[in-house]
Amino acid sequence: MSKLDDVRARINGNPSLGKKMAKYGAIGAIVAIPLPFIGPVIGATLGAGIAYLRRDKA
């Protein structure tokens, strides 16, 4: 089982984690809108990553 499969299993096993990742991803994309071209993509990725890293704290 690869690391990617482990991440997918954690997200599918915990629906609230997926919701948090979507919420943080949207916030990251909105904050990064002033950056041209790739800013919203990076912001969304960072936001979802932050939510994934904080998954055990909530």
N, C-alpha and C. Protein backbone atom coordinates (compact mmCIF):
# COMPACT_ATOMS: atom_id res chain seq x y z
N MET A 1 0.85 -1.19 0.00
CA MET A 1 0.00 0.00 0.00
C MET A 1 0.90 1.24 0.00
N SER A 2 0.68 2.11 -0.94
CA SER A 2 1.50 3.31 -1.04
C SER A 2 0.98 4.40 -0.10
N LYS A 3 1.75 5.42 0.03
CA LYS A 3 1.38 6.55 0.88
C LYS A 3 0.10 7.21 0.37
N LEU A 4 -0.04 7.30 -0.96
CA LEU A 4 -1.24 7.90 -1.55
C LEU A 4 -2.48 7.08 -1.21
N ASP A 5 -2.36 5.76 -1.23
CA ASP A 5 -3.49 4.92 -0.85
C ASP A 5 -3.85 5.10 0.61
N ASP A 6 -2.84 5.30 1.46
CA ASP A 6 -3.08 5.54 2.88
C ASP A 6 -3.84 6.84 3.10
N VAL A 7 -3.45 7.89 2.37
CA VAL A 7 -4.14 9.18 2.48
C VAL A 7 -5.59 9.05 2.02
N ARG A 8 -5.81 8.37 0.90
CA ARG A 8 -7.17 8.17 0.40
C ARG A 8 -8.02 7.39 1.40
N ALA A 9 -7.44 6.37 2.02
CA ALA A 9 -8.18 5.57 3.00
C ALA A 9 -8.56 6.42 4.21
N ARG A 10 -7.65 7.28 4.66
CA ARG A 10 -7.96 8.15 5.81
C ARG A 10 -9.08 9.13 5.48
N ILE A 11 -9.04 9.70 4.29
CA ILE A 11 -10.07 10.66 3.90
C ILE A 11 -11.42 9.97 3.75
N ASN A 12 -11.44 8.80 3.12
CA ASN A 12 -12.69 8.07 2.94
C ASN A 12 -13.24 7.54 4.27
N GLY A 13 -12.36 7.24 5.20
CA GLY A 13 -12.79 6.73 6.50
C GLY A 13 -13.28 7.80 7.44
N ASN A 14 -13.01 9.04 7.13
CA ASN A 14 -13.38 10.14 8.02
C ASN A 14 -14.00 11.26 7.17
N PRO A 15 -15.32 11.25 6.98
CA PRO A 15 -15.96 12.25 6.11
C PRO A 15 -15.72 13.70 6.55
N SER A 16 -15.60 13.93 7.84
CA SER A 16 -15.39 15.31 8.29
C SER A 16 -14.02 15.82 7.85
N LEU A 17 -13.05 14.92 7.69
CA LEU A 17 -11.73 15.34 7.23
C LEU A 17 -11.81 15.86 5.80
N GLY A 18 -12.56 15.18 4.95
CA GLY A 18 -12.74 15.64 3.57
C GLY A 18 -13.42 17.00 3.51
N LYS A 19 -14.39 17.22 4.39
CA LYS A 19 -15.08 18.52 4.45
C LYS A 19 -14.12 19.61 4.89
N LYS A 20 -13.29 19.31 5.89
CA LYS A 20 -12.32 20.30 6.36
C LYS A 20 -11.30 20.61 5.27
N MET A 21 -10.86 19.58 4.54
CA MET A 21 -9.89 19.80 3.48
C MET A 21 -10.49 20.68 2.38
N ALA A 22 -11.76 20.47 2.06
CA ALA A 22 -12.42 21.29 1.05
C ALA A 22 -12.54 22.73 1.54
N LYS A 23 -12.90 22.90 2.80
CA LYS A 23 -13.07 24.25 3.36
C LYS A 23 -11.73 24.99 3.39
N TYR A 24 -10.69 24.35 3.91
CA TYR A 24 -9.39 25.00 3.98
C TYR A 24 -8.83 25.24 2.58
N GLY A 25 -9.09 24.32 1.65
CA GLY A 25 -8.65 24.51 0.27
C GLY A 25 -9.29 25.72 -0.37
N ALA A 26 -10.59 25.91 -0.12
CA ALA A 26 -11.30 27.07 -0.66
C ALA A 26 -10.76 28.36 -0.05
N ILE A 27 -10.52 28.35 1.24
CA ILE A 27 -9.97 29.54 1.90
C ILE A 27 -8.59 29.86 1.34
N GLY A 28 -7.76 28.82 1.16
CA GLY A 28 -6.42 29.03 0.60
C GLY A 28 -6.47 29.59 -0.81
N ALA A 29 -7.43 29.11 -1.61
CA ALA A 29 -7.55 29.61 -2.98
C ALA A 29 -8.00 31.07 -2.99
N ILE A 30 -8.91 31.43 -2.11
CA ILE A 30 -9.40 32.81 -2.06
C ILE A 30 -8.28 33.75 -1.61
N VAL A 31 -7.53 33.33 -0.60
CA VAL A 31 -6.43 34.17 -0.11
C VAL A 31 -5.37 34.36 -1.19
N ALA A 32 -5.16 33.34 -2.03
CA ALA A 32 -4.10 33.40 -3.03
C ALA A 32 -4.53 34.00 -4.37
N ILE A 33 -5.76 34.46 -4.49
CA ILE A 33 -6.25 35.01 -5.76
C ILE A 33 -5.38 36.17 -6.28
N PRO A 34 -4.87 37.05 -5.43
CA PRO A 34 -4.06 38.15 -5.98
C PRO A 34 -2.79 37.69 -6.71
N LEU A 35 -2.33 36.47 -6.45
CA LEU A 35 -1.14 35.99 -7.14
C LEU A 35 -1.52 35.53 -8.54
N PRO A 36 -0.78 35.93 -9.54
CA PRO A 36 -1.17 35.58 -10.92
C PRO A 36 -1.02 34.09 -11.22
N PHE A 37 -1.89 33.60 -12.08
CA PHE A 37 -1.88 32.27 -12.68
C PHE A 37 -2.01 31.12 -11.69
N ILE A 38 -0.94 30.72 -11.06
CA ILE A 38 -0.94 29.49 -10.29
C ILE A 38 -1.25 29.71 -8.81
N GLY A 39 -1.41 30.95 -8.38
CA GLY A 39 -1.64 31.26 -6.97
C GLY A 39 -2.80 30.52 -6.34
N PRO A 40 -4.00 30.53 -6.94
CA PRO A 40 -5.12 29.82 -6.33
C PRO A 40 -4.91 28.31 -6.23
N VAL A 41 -4.22 27.73 -7.18
CA VAL A 41 -3.96 26.29 -7.14
C VAL A 41 -3.05 25.95 -5.96
N ILE A 42 -2.00 26.72 -5.81
CA ILE A 42 -1.07 26.49 -4.70
C ILE A 42 -1.77 26.77 -3.37
N GLY A 43 -2.56 27.83 -3.31
CA GLY A 43 -3.28 28.15 -2.09
C GLY A 43 -4.26 27.05 -1.70
N ALA A 44 -4.97 26.50 -2.66
CA ALA A 44 -5.91 25.41 -2.38
C ALA A 44 -5.18 24.17 -1.91
N THR A 45 -4.06 23.87 -2.54
CA THR A 45 -3.28 22.70 -2.15
C THR A 45 -2.73 22.85 -0.73
N LEU A 46 -2.21 24.02 -0.43
CA LEU A 46 -1.69 24.27 0.92
C LEU A 46 -2.80 24.22 1.96
N GLY A 47 -3.95 24.79 1.63
CA GLY A 47 -5.08 24.76 2.56
C GLY A 47 -5.54 23.34 2.86
N ALA A 48 -5.65 22.51 1.83
CA ALA A 48 -6.05 21.11 2.03
C ALA A 48 -4.96 20.36 2.80
N GLY A 49 -3.72 20.67 2.54
CA GLY A 49 -2.62 20.04 3.27
C GLY A 49 -2.63 20.39 4.74
N ILE A 50 -2.93 21.64 5.05
CA ILE A 50 -3.01 22.06 6.44
C ILE A 50 -4.14 21.31 7.15
N ALA A 51 -5.28 21.17 6.50
CA ALA A 51 -6.38 20.44 7.09
C ALA A 51 -6.01 18.98 7.32
N TYR A 52 -5.29 18.38 6.37
CA TYR A 52 -4.88 16.99 6.53
C TYR A 52 -3.90 16.84 7.69
N LEU A 53 -2.97 17.77 7.81
CA LEU A 53 -2.00 17.69 8.90
C LEU A 53 -2.64 17.89 10.27
N ARG A 54 -3.72 18.68 10.33
CA ARG A 54 -4.40 18.94 11.60
C ARG A 54 -5.50 17.93 11.89
N ARG A 55 -5.59 16.83 11.13
CA ARG A 55 -6.69 15.88 11.22
C ARG A 55 -6.84 15.26 12.60
N ASP A 56 -5.76 15.06 13.33
CA ASP A 56 -5.83 14.41 14.63
C ASP A 56 -6.08 15.38 15.77
N LYS A 57 -5.98 16.66 15.52
CA LYS A 57 -6.13 17.66 16.56
C LYS A 57 -7.59 18.01 16.84
N ALA A 58 -8.48 17.73 15.91
CA ALA A 58 -9.89 18.10 16.11
C ALA A 58 -10.76 16.91 16.39
